[in-house]
């Protein structure tokens, strides 16, 4: 779920930066890239890439490893420490945005 938290925070940052009331402003095909789950792309679109990678690179390295298909993985491939690190990194990135 952490990845979705970061994804939504990035989409909020994009909407705020662009002055949009809705994300994206309409269903026009020109906005197809904005429907992405790709955190690297969304970070770039947010206009906050330099800030995050300068001040929160370690946290970004943790959260950017997420992808939506992880939720379908049977069993847990994360240790308790990795889960704790992901939670902390997610919180730090969300606060930085």
Protein backbone atom coordinates (compact mmCIF):
# COMPACT_ATOMS: atom_id res chain seq x y z
CA UNK A 1 0.00 0.00 0.00
CA UNK A 2 2.97 2.32 0.54
CA UNK A 3 3.49 2.64 -3.19
CA UNK A 4 -0.05 3.85 -3.67
CA UNK A 5 0.44 6.44 -0.93
CA UNK A 6 3.48 7.80 -2.76
CA UNK A 7 1.69 7.59 -6.12
CA UNK A 8 -1.25 9.63 -4.82
CA UNK A 9 1.05 12.15 -3.13
CA UNK A 10 2.90 12.61 -6.42
CA UNK A 11 -0.35 13.00 -8.35
CA UNK A 12 -1.47 15.59 -5.79
CA UNK A 13 1.84 17.44 -6.27
CA UNK A 14 1.34 17.39 -10.05
CA UNK A 15 -2.21 18.72 -9.76
CA UNK A 16 -1.10 21.43 -7.34
CA UNK A 17 1.85 22.45 -9.52
CA UNK A 18 -0.35 22.66 -12.61
CA UNK A 19 -3.26 24.32 -10.82
CA UNK A 20 -5.67 21.49 -11.62
CA UNK A 21 -8.86 20.99 -9.64
CA UNK A 22 -9.13 17.42 -10.99
CA UNK A 23 -6.44 14.89 -11.81
CA UNK A 24 -5.98 14.95 -14.74
CA UNK A 25 -8.26 17.78 -15.81
CA UNK A 26 -10.15 15.59 -18.32
CA UNK A 27 -10.05 12.24 -20.07
CA UNK A 28 -8.31 13.60 -23.16
CA UNK A 29 -5.73 11.15 -24.57
CA UNK A 30 -3.09 13.87 -24.27
CA UNK A 31 -3.07 13.18 -20.53
CA UNK A 32 -2.54 9.41 -20.79
CA UNK A 33 0.88 9.60 -19.13
CA UNK A 34 -0.74 11.02 -16.00
CA UNK A 35 -2.60 7.73 -15.41
CA UNK A 36 0.70 5.94 -14.84
CA UNK A 37 1.72 3.99 -11.73
CA UNK A 38 5.40 4.62 -12.65
CA UNK A 39 6.76 6.50 -9.64
CA UNK A 40 9.85 7.74 -11.51
CA UNK A 41 7.68 9.24 -14.26
CA UNK A 42 5.29 10.78 -11.76
CA UNK A 43 8.18 12.28 -9.79
CA UNK A 44 9.47 13.89 -12.96
CA UNK A 45 6.01 15.22 -13.86
CA UNK A 46 5.58 16.62 -10.33
CA UNK A 47 8.42 19.08 -10.79
CA UNK A 48 9.92 17.89 -7.51
CA UNK A 49 12.48 15.41 -8.81
CA UNK A 50 15.56 17.50 -8.05
CA UNK A 51 14.30 18.36 -4.56
CA UNK A 52 13.43 14.77 -3.64
CA UNK A 53 16.60 13.26 -5.08
CA UNK A 54 18.72 15.90 -3.36
CA UNK A 55 17.11 15.73 0.09
CA UNK A 56 15.52 12.27 0.21
CA UNK A 57 17.54 10.03 -2.09
CA UNK A 58 17.77 7.12 0.37
CA UNK A 59 14.02 7.20 0.99
CA UNK A 60 13.32 7.53 -2.73
CA UNK A 61 15.54 4.53 -3.46
CA UNK A 62 13.37 2.45 -1.14
CA UNK A 63 9.93 3.57 -2.31
CA UNK A 64 10.76 3.67 -6.02
CA UNK A 65 11.32 -0.10 -5.95
CA UNK A 66 7.53 -0.51 -5.58
CA UNK A 67 5.25 -1.56 -8.41
CA UNK A 68 1.53 -2.42 -8.39
CA UNK A 69 2.07 -6.11 -9.13
CA UNK A 70 3.73 -6.55 -5.72
CA UNK A 71 0.30 -6.78 -4.12
CA UNK A 72 -0.34 -10.03 -5.99
CA UNK A 73 2.78 -11.73 -4.68
CA UNK A 74 1.83 -14.78 -2.67
CA UNK A 75 3.54 -14.81 0.69
CA UNK A 76 5.77 -12.10 2.02
CA UNK A 77 9.13 -11.57 0.46
CA UNK A 78 9.88 -8.67 2.81
CA UNK A 79 11.52 -8.90 6.19
CA UNK A 80 10.06 -6.99 9.08
CA UNK A 81 12.94 -4.50 8.80
CA UNK A 82 12.32 -3.97 5.07
CA UNK A 83 8.65 -3.32 5.77
CA UNK A 84 9.54 -0.84 8.51
CA UNK A 85 12.02 0.89 6.18
CA UNK A 86 9.34 1.13 3.46
CA UNK A 87 6.86 2.68 5.90
CA UNK A 88 9.41 5.23 7.12
CA UNK A 89 10.57 6.09 3.59
CA UNK A 90 6.96 6.48 2.43
CA UNK A 91 6.21 8.85 5.27
CA UNK A 92 9.34 10.89 4.58
CA UNK A 93 8.61 11.20 0.85
CA UNK A 94 4.99 12.09 1.46
CA UNK A 95 6.04 14.80 3.92
CA UNK A 96 8.66 16.14 1.47
CA UNK A 97 6.11 16.52 -1.31
